[in-house]
C-alpha cells in the first residue's frame, strides 16, 4: 500500500445515506390532508343540504310530467310556490297578480298563450288543446325560481 496521502490508491467509495422514506409522513402532510378532508366534507354537506332543499322541485317536476290539463299544472305551480315562499305572500294571489308574481320570482314573463291559459283556462269547461307551452313555462319556473331561503343563504 502506498503511504502517500495524495495517492489515488487510497481512494474509497463514498458511502451514501439511505434514501429518505415517504412513510411515516411529516406532521405538515397530516395537517394538509386533514384540511383537505374537512373541506371536502363541508362541500359534500352543502351539496347534500341543497339536494334535500330542492326535493320539492323534483317532486313538482315529476307531477308536472304527468299533468293532464291546465288546472293540474296551475295547482302544481301553486303548491310549489307555497312550499318555497311564505303562505301570506302566495295563497291569496290569482289571475294577473299571480302571473306577475310568477314572472317576478321566476325572472321570466309568461307568453300570451300561457297567460290566457293560467288566468281563464283553469275555469274552462273544455280541456285545452295544447298544454305543452303551459307545462314548459311551469317546468321552467319550478327549475329557476329563487326561493326565500336561497336569497337569504
C-alpha atoms as a PDB file:
ATOM      1  CA  UNK A   1       0.000   0.000   0.000  1.00  0.00           C
ATOM      2  CA  UNK A   2       1.126   3.482  -0.789  1.00  0.00           C
ATOM      3  CA  UNK A   3       1.749   5.748   2.193  1.00  0.00           C
ATOM      4  CA  UNK A   4       1.455   8.903   0.174  1.00  0.00           C
ATOM      5  CA  UNK A   5      -1.763  10.614   1.308  1.00  0.00           C
ATOM      6  CA  UNK A   6      -2.292  12.149  -2.148  1.00  0.00           C
ATOM      7  CA  UNK A   7      -2.015   8.808  -3.904  1.00  0.00           C
ATOM      8  CA  UNK A   8      -5.073   7.644  -5.863  1.00  0.00           C
ATOM      9  CA  UNK A   9      -4.642   4.177  -4.422  1.00  0.00           C
ATOM     10  CA  UNK A  10      -6.033   5.425  -1.081  1.00  0.00           C
ATOM     11  CA  UNK A  11      -9.419   6.481  -2.528  1.00  0.00           C
ATOM     12  CA  UNK A  12     -12.552   4.676  -1.297  1.00  0.00           C
ATOM     13  CA  UNK A  13     -16.208   4.699  -2.423  1.00  0.00           C
ATOM     14  CA  UNK A  14     -18.396   7.393  -0.906  1.00  0.00           C
ATOM     15  CA  UNK A  15     -20.994   5.900   1.398  1.00  0.00           C
ATOM     16  CA  UNK A  16     -24.374   7.444   0.681  1.00  0.00           C
ATOM     17  CA  UNK A  17     -27.003   7.751   3.393  1.00  0.00           C
ATOM     18  CA  UNK A  18     -30.167   5.673   2.934  1.00  0.00           C
ATOM     19  CA  UNK A  19     -32.962   7.412   0.947  1.00  0.00           C
ATOM     20  CA  UNK A  20     -35.480   9.431   2.935  1.00  0.00           C
ATOM     21  CA  UNK A  21     -38.617   7.271   3.355  1.00  0.00           C
ATOM     22  CA  UNK A  22     -42.058   8.546   2.354  1.00  0.00           C
ATOM     23  CA  UNK A  23     -43.636   6.883   5.332  1.00  0.00           C
ATOM     24  CA  UNK A  24     -44.302   7.963   8.059  1.00  0.00           C
ATOM     25  CA  UNK A  25     -45.385  11.339   6.781  1.00  0.00           C
ATOM     26  CA  UNK A  26     -44.306  14.563   8.390  1.00  0.00           C
ATOM     27  CA  UNK A  27     -46.889  16.347  10.576  1.00  0.00           C
ATOM     28  CA  UNK A  28     -47.390  19.056   7.960  1.00  0.00           C
ATOM     29  CA  UNK A  29     -48.678  16.494   5.462  1.00  0.00           C
ATOM     30  CA  UNK A  30     -51.171  15.166   8.026  1.00  0.00           C
ATOM     31  CA  UNK A  31     -52.429  18.715   8.620  1.00  0.00           C
ATOM     32  CA  UNK A  32     -52.778  19.272   4.882  1.00  0.00           C
ATOM     33  CA  UNK A  33     -54.706  16.003   4.435  1.00  0.00           C
ATOM     34  CA  UNK A  34     -56.964  16.870   7.382  1.00  0.00           C
ATOM     35  CA  UNK A  35     -57.682  20.312   5.909  1.00  0.00           C
ATOM     36  CA  UNK A  36     -58.494  18.785   2.510  1.00  0.00           C
ATOM     37  CA  UNK A  37     -60.743  16.169   4.112  1.00  0.00           C
ATOM     38  CA  UNK A  38     -62.614  18.777   6.160  1.00  0.00           C
ATOM     39  CA  UNK A  39     -63.064  20.985   3.106  1.00  0.00           C
ATOM     40  CA  UNK A  40     -64.374  18.053   1.058  1.00  0.00           C
ATOM     41  CA  UNK A  41     -66.714  17.058   3.894  1.00  0.00           C
ATOM     42  CA  UNK A  42     -68.071  20.602   4.206  1.00  0.00           C
ATOM     43  CA  UNK A  43     -68.573  20.775   0.424  1.00  0.00           C
ATOM     44  CA  UNK A  44     -70.377  17.424   0.395  1.00  0.00           C
ATOM     45  CA  UNK A  45     -72.571  18.517   3.307  1.00  0.00           C
ATOM     46  CA  UNK A  46     -73.553  21.715   1.459  1.00  0.00           C
ATOM     47  CA  UNK A  47     -74.354  19.717  -1.694  1.00  0.00           C
ATOM     48  CA  UNK A  48     -76.460  17.297   0.338  1.00  0.00           C
ATOM     49  CA  UNK A  49     -78.359  20.163   2.002  1.00  0.00           C
ATOM     50  CA  UNK A  50     -79.020  21.778  -1.383  1.00  0.00           C
ATOM     51  CA  UNK A  51     -80.176  18.447  -2.815  1.00  0.00           C
ATOM     52  CA  UNK A  52     -82.585  17.944   0.105  1.00  0.00           C
ATOM     53  CA  UNK A  53     -83.786  21.548  -0.077  1.00  0.00           C
ATOM     54  CA  UNK A  54     -84.684  21.033  -3.740  1.00  0.00           C
ATOM     55  CA  UNK A  55     -86.700  17.864  -3.132  1.00  0.00           C
ATOM     56  CA  UNK A  56     -89.925  19.805  -3.621  1.00  0.00           C
ATOM     57  CA  UNK A  57     -88.707  20.878  -7.075  1.00  0.00           C
ATOM     58  CA  UNK A  58     -88.023  17.290  -8.127  1.00  0.00           C
ATOM     59  CA  UNK A  59     -91.431  16.163  -6.835  1.00  0.00           C
ATOM     60  CA  UNK A  60     -93.184  19.018  -8.628  1.00  0.00           C
ATOM     61  CA  UNK A  61     -91.404  18.246 -11.901  1.00  0.00           C
ATOM     62  CA  UNK A  62     -92.432  14.584 -11.614  1.00  0.00           C
ATOM     63  CA  UNK A  63     -96.064  15.610 -11.070  1.00  0.00           C
ATOM     64  CA  UNK A  64     -95.866  18.128 -13.891  1.00  0.00           C
ATOM     65  CA  UNK A  65     -94.699  15.430 -16.290  1.00  0.00           C
ATOM     66  CA  UNK A  66     -97.961  13.531 -15.820  1.00  0.00           C
ATOM     67  CA  UNK A  67    -100.303  16.538 -15.512  1.00  0.00           C
ATOM     68  CA  UNK A  68    -103.125  16.239 -17.989  1.00  0.00           C
ATOM     69  CA  UNK A  69    -104.687  19.695 -18.033  1.00  0.00           C
ATOM     70  CA  UNK A  70    -104.101  23.370 -17.262  1.00  0.00           C
ATOM     71  CA  UNK A  71    -105.879  23.118 -13.916  1.00  0.00           C
ATOM     72  CA  UNK A  72    -103.474  20.421 -12.727  1.00  0.00           C
ATOM     73  CA  UNK A  73    -100.476  22.484 -13.842  1.00  0.00           C
ATOM     74  CA  UNK A  74    -101.822  25.576 -12.058  1.00  0.00           C
ATOM     75  CA  UNK A  75    -102.334  23.525  -8.911  1.00  0.00           C
ATOM     76  CA  UNK A  76     -98.783  22.163  -9.078  1.00  0.00           C
ATOM     77  CA  UNK A  77     -97.400  25.684  -9.519  1.00  0.00           C
ATOM     78  CA  UNK A  78     -99.390  26.991  -6.550  1.00  0.00           C
ATOM     79  CA  UNK A  79     -98.352  24.097  -4.289  1.00  0.00           C
ATOM     80  CA  UNK A  80     -94.718  24.538  -5.299  1.00  0.00           C
ATOM     81  CA  UNK A  81     -94.904  28.243  -4.555  1.00  0.00           C
ATOM     82  CA  UNK A  82     -96.459  27.548  -1.150  1.00  0.00           C
ATOM     83  CA  UNK A  83     -93.514  25.310  -0.287  1.00  0.00           C
ATOM     84  CA  UNK A  84     -90.886  27.826  -1.370  1.00  0.00           C
ATOM     85  CA  UNK A  85     -92.461  31.074  -0.104  1.00  0.00           C
ATOM     86  CA  UNK A  86     -94.465  32.176   2.927  1.00  0.00           C
ATOM     87  CA  UNK A  87     -98.161  31.380   2.693  1.00  0.00           C
ATOM     88  CA  UNK A  88     -99.126  35.022   3.297  1.00  0.00           C
ATOM     89  CA  UNK A  89     -97.249  36.039   0.123  1.00  0.00           C
ATOM     90  CA  UNK A  90     -98.667  33.348  -2.160  1.00  0.00           C
ATOM     91  CA  UNK A  91    -102.016  31.958  -1.054  1.00  0.00           C
ATOM     92  CA  UNK A  92    -104.221  34.908  -1.965  1.00  0.00           C
ATOM     93  CA  UNK A  93    -102.682  35.516  -5.404  1.00  0.00           C
ATOM     94  CA  UNK A  94    -104.754  34.792  -8.502  1.00  0.00           C
ATOM     95  CA  UNK A  95    -105.167  35.997 -12.059  1.00  0.00           C
ATOM     96  CA  UNK A  96    -102.879  38.780 -13.234  1.00  0.00           C
ATOM     97  CA  UNK A  97    -101.328  39.243  -9.775  1.00  0.00           C
ATOM     98  CA  UNK A  98    -100.427  35.546  -9.696  1.00  0.00           C
ATOM     99  CA  UNK A  99     -98.796  35.720 -13.135  1.00  0.00           C
ATOM    100  CA  UNK A 100     -96.920  38.908 -12.219  1.00  0.00           C
ATOM    101  CA  UNK A 101     -95.632  37.194  -9.080  1.00  0.00           C
ATOM    102  CA  UNK A 102     -94.545  34.144 -11.119  1.00  0.00           C
ATOM    103  CA  UNK A 103     -92.721  36.438 -13.549  1.00  0.00           C
ATOM    104  CA  UNK A 104     -91.027  38.294 -10.700  1.00  0.00           C
ATOM    105  CA  UNK A 105     -89.831  35.203  -8.846  1.00  0.00           C
ATOM    106  CA  UNK A 106     -89.038  33.180 -11.953  1.00  0.00           C
ATOM    107  CA  UNK A 107     -87.284  36.031 -13.781  1.00  0.00           C
ATOM    108  CA  UNK A 108     -89.290  35.311 -16.946  1.00  0.00           C
ATOM    109  CA  UNK A 109     -92.637  36.633 -18.131  1.00  0.00           C
ATOM    110  CA  UNK A 110     -95.246  34.159 -19.279  1.00  0.00           C
ATOM    111  CA  UNK A 111     -96.053  34.143 -23.012  1.00  0.00           C
ATOM    112  CA  UNK A 112     -99.516  35.320 -24.054  1.00  0.00           C
ATOM    113  CA  UNK A 113    -100.929  31.811 -24.573  1.00  0.00           C
ATOM    114  CA  UNK A 114     -99.694  30.717 -21.147  1.00  0.00           C
ATOM    115  CA  UNK A 115    -101.136  33.857 -19.562  1.00  0.00           C
ATOM    116  CA  UNK A 116    -104.523  33.165 -21.137  1.00  0.00           C
ATOM    117  CA  UNK A 117    -104.424  29.521 -20.122  1.00  0.00           C
ATOM    118  CA  UNK A 118    -103.485  30.224 -16.497  1.00  0.00           C
ATOM    119  CA  UNK A 119    -105.942  33.081 -15.983  1.00  0.00           C
ATOM    120  CA  UNK A 120    -109.058  31.912 -17.826  1.00  0.00           C
ATOM    121  CA  UNK A 121    -108.180  28.410 -18.975  1.00  0.00           C
ATOM    122  CA  UNK A 122    -108.360  26.956 -15.497  1.00  0.00           C
ATOM    123  CA  UNK A 123    -112.088  27.836 -15.443  1.00  0.00           C
ATOM    124  CA  UNK A 124    -112.829  26.481 -18.917  1.00  0.00           C
ATOM    125  CA  UNK A 125    -115.161  23.522 -19.114  1.00  0.00           C
ATOM    126  CA  UNK A 126    -113.454  22.012 -22.153  1.00  0.00           C
ATOM    127  CA  UNK A 127    -109.859  20.829 -21.996  1.00  0.00           C
ATOM    128  CA  UNK A 128    -107.148  22.927 -23.558  1.00  0.00           C
ATOM    129  CA  UNK A 129    -105.898  21.504 -26.808  1.00  0.00           C
ATOM    130  CA  UNK A 130    -102.222  22.175 -26.271  1.00  0.00           C
ATOM    131  CA  UNK A 131    -100.954  22.340 -22.727  1.00  0.00           C
ATOM    132  CA  UNK A 132     -97.297  21.993 -23.750  1.00  0.00           C
ATOM    133  CA  UNK A 133     -96.483  25.743 -23.506  1.00  0.00           C
ATOM    134  CA  UNK A 134     -98.075  25.897 -20.056  1.00  0.00           C
ATOM    135  CA  UNK A 135     -96.172  22.806 -18.925  1.00  0.00           C
ATOM    136  CA  UNK A 136     -92.938  24.229 -20.354  1.00  0.00           C
ATOM    137  CA  UNK A 137     -93.456  27.531 -18.549  1.00  0.00           C
ATOM    138  CA  UNK A 138     -94.297  25.679 -15.326  1.00  0.00           C
ATOM    139  CA  UNK A 139     -91.223  23.471 -15.551  1.00  0.00           C
ATOM    140  CA  UNK A 140     -89.045  26.497 -16.257  1.00  0.00           C
ATOM    141  CA  UNK A 141     -90.473  28.351 -13.262  1.00  0.00           C
ATOM    142  CA  UNK A 142     -90.051  25.332 -10.973  1.00  0.00           C
ATOM    143  CA  UNK A 143     -86.420  24.889 -12.007  1.00  0.00           C
ATOM    144  CA  UNK A 144     -85.413  28.565 -11.950  1.00  0.00           C
ATOM    145  CA  UNK A 145     -87.369  30.383  -9.263  1.00  0.00           C
ATOM    146  CA  UNK A 146     -85.423  31.739  -6.348  1.00  0.00           C
ATOM    147  CA  UNK A 147     -86.977  30.870  -3.023  1.00  0.00           C
ATOM    148  CA  UNK A 148     -86.691  32.989   0.130  1.00  0.00           C
ATOM    149  CA  UNK A 149     -84.245  30.508   1.675  1.00  0.00           C
ATOM    150  CA  UNK A 150     -81.970  30.711  -1.347  1.00  0.00           C
ATOM    151  CA  UNK A 151     -81.989  34.517  -1.254  1.00  0.00           C
ATOM    152  CA  UNK A 152     -81.118  34.582   2.466  1.00  0.00           C
ATOM    153  CA  UNK A 153     -78.376  31.944   2.437  1.00  0.00           C
END
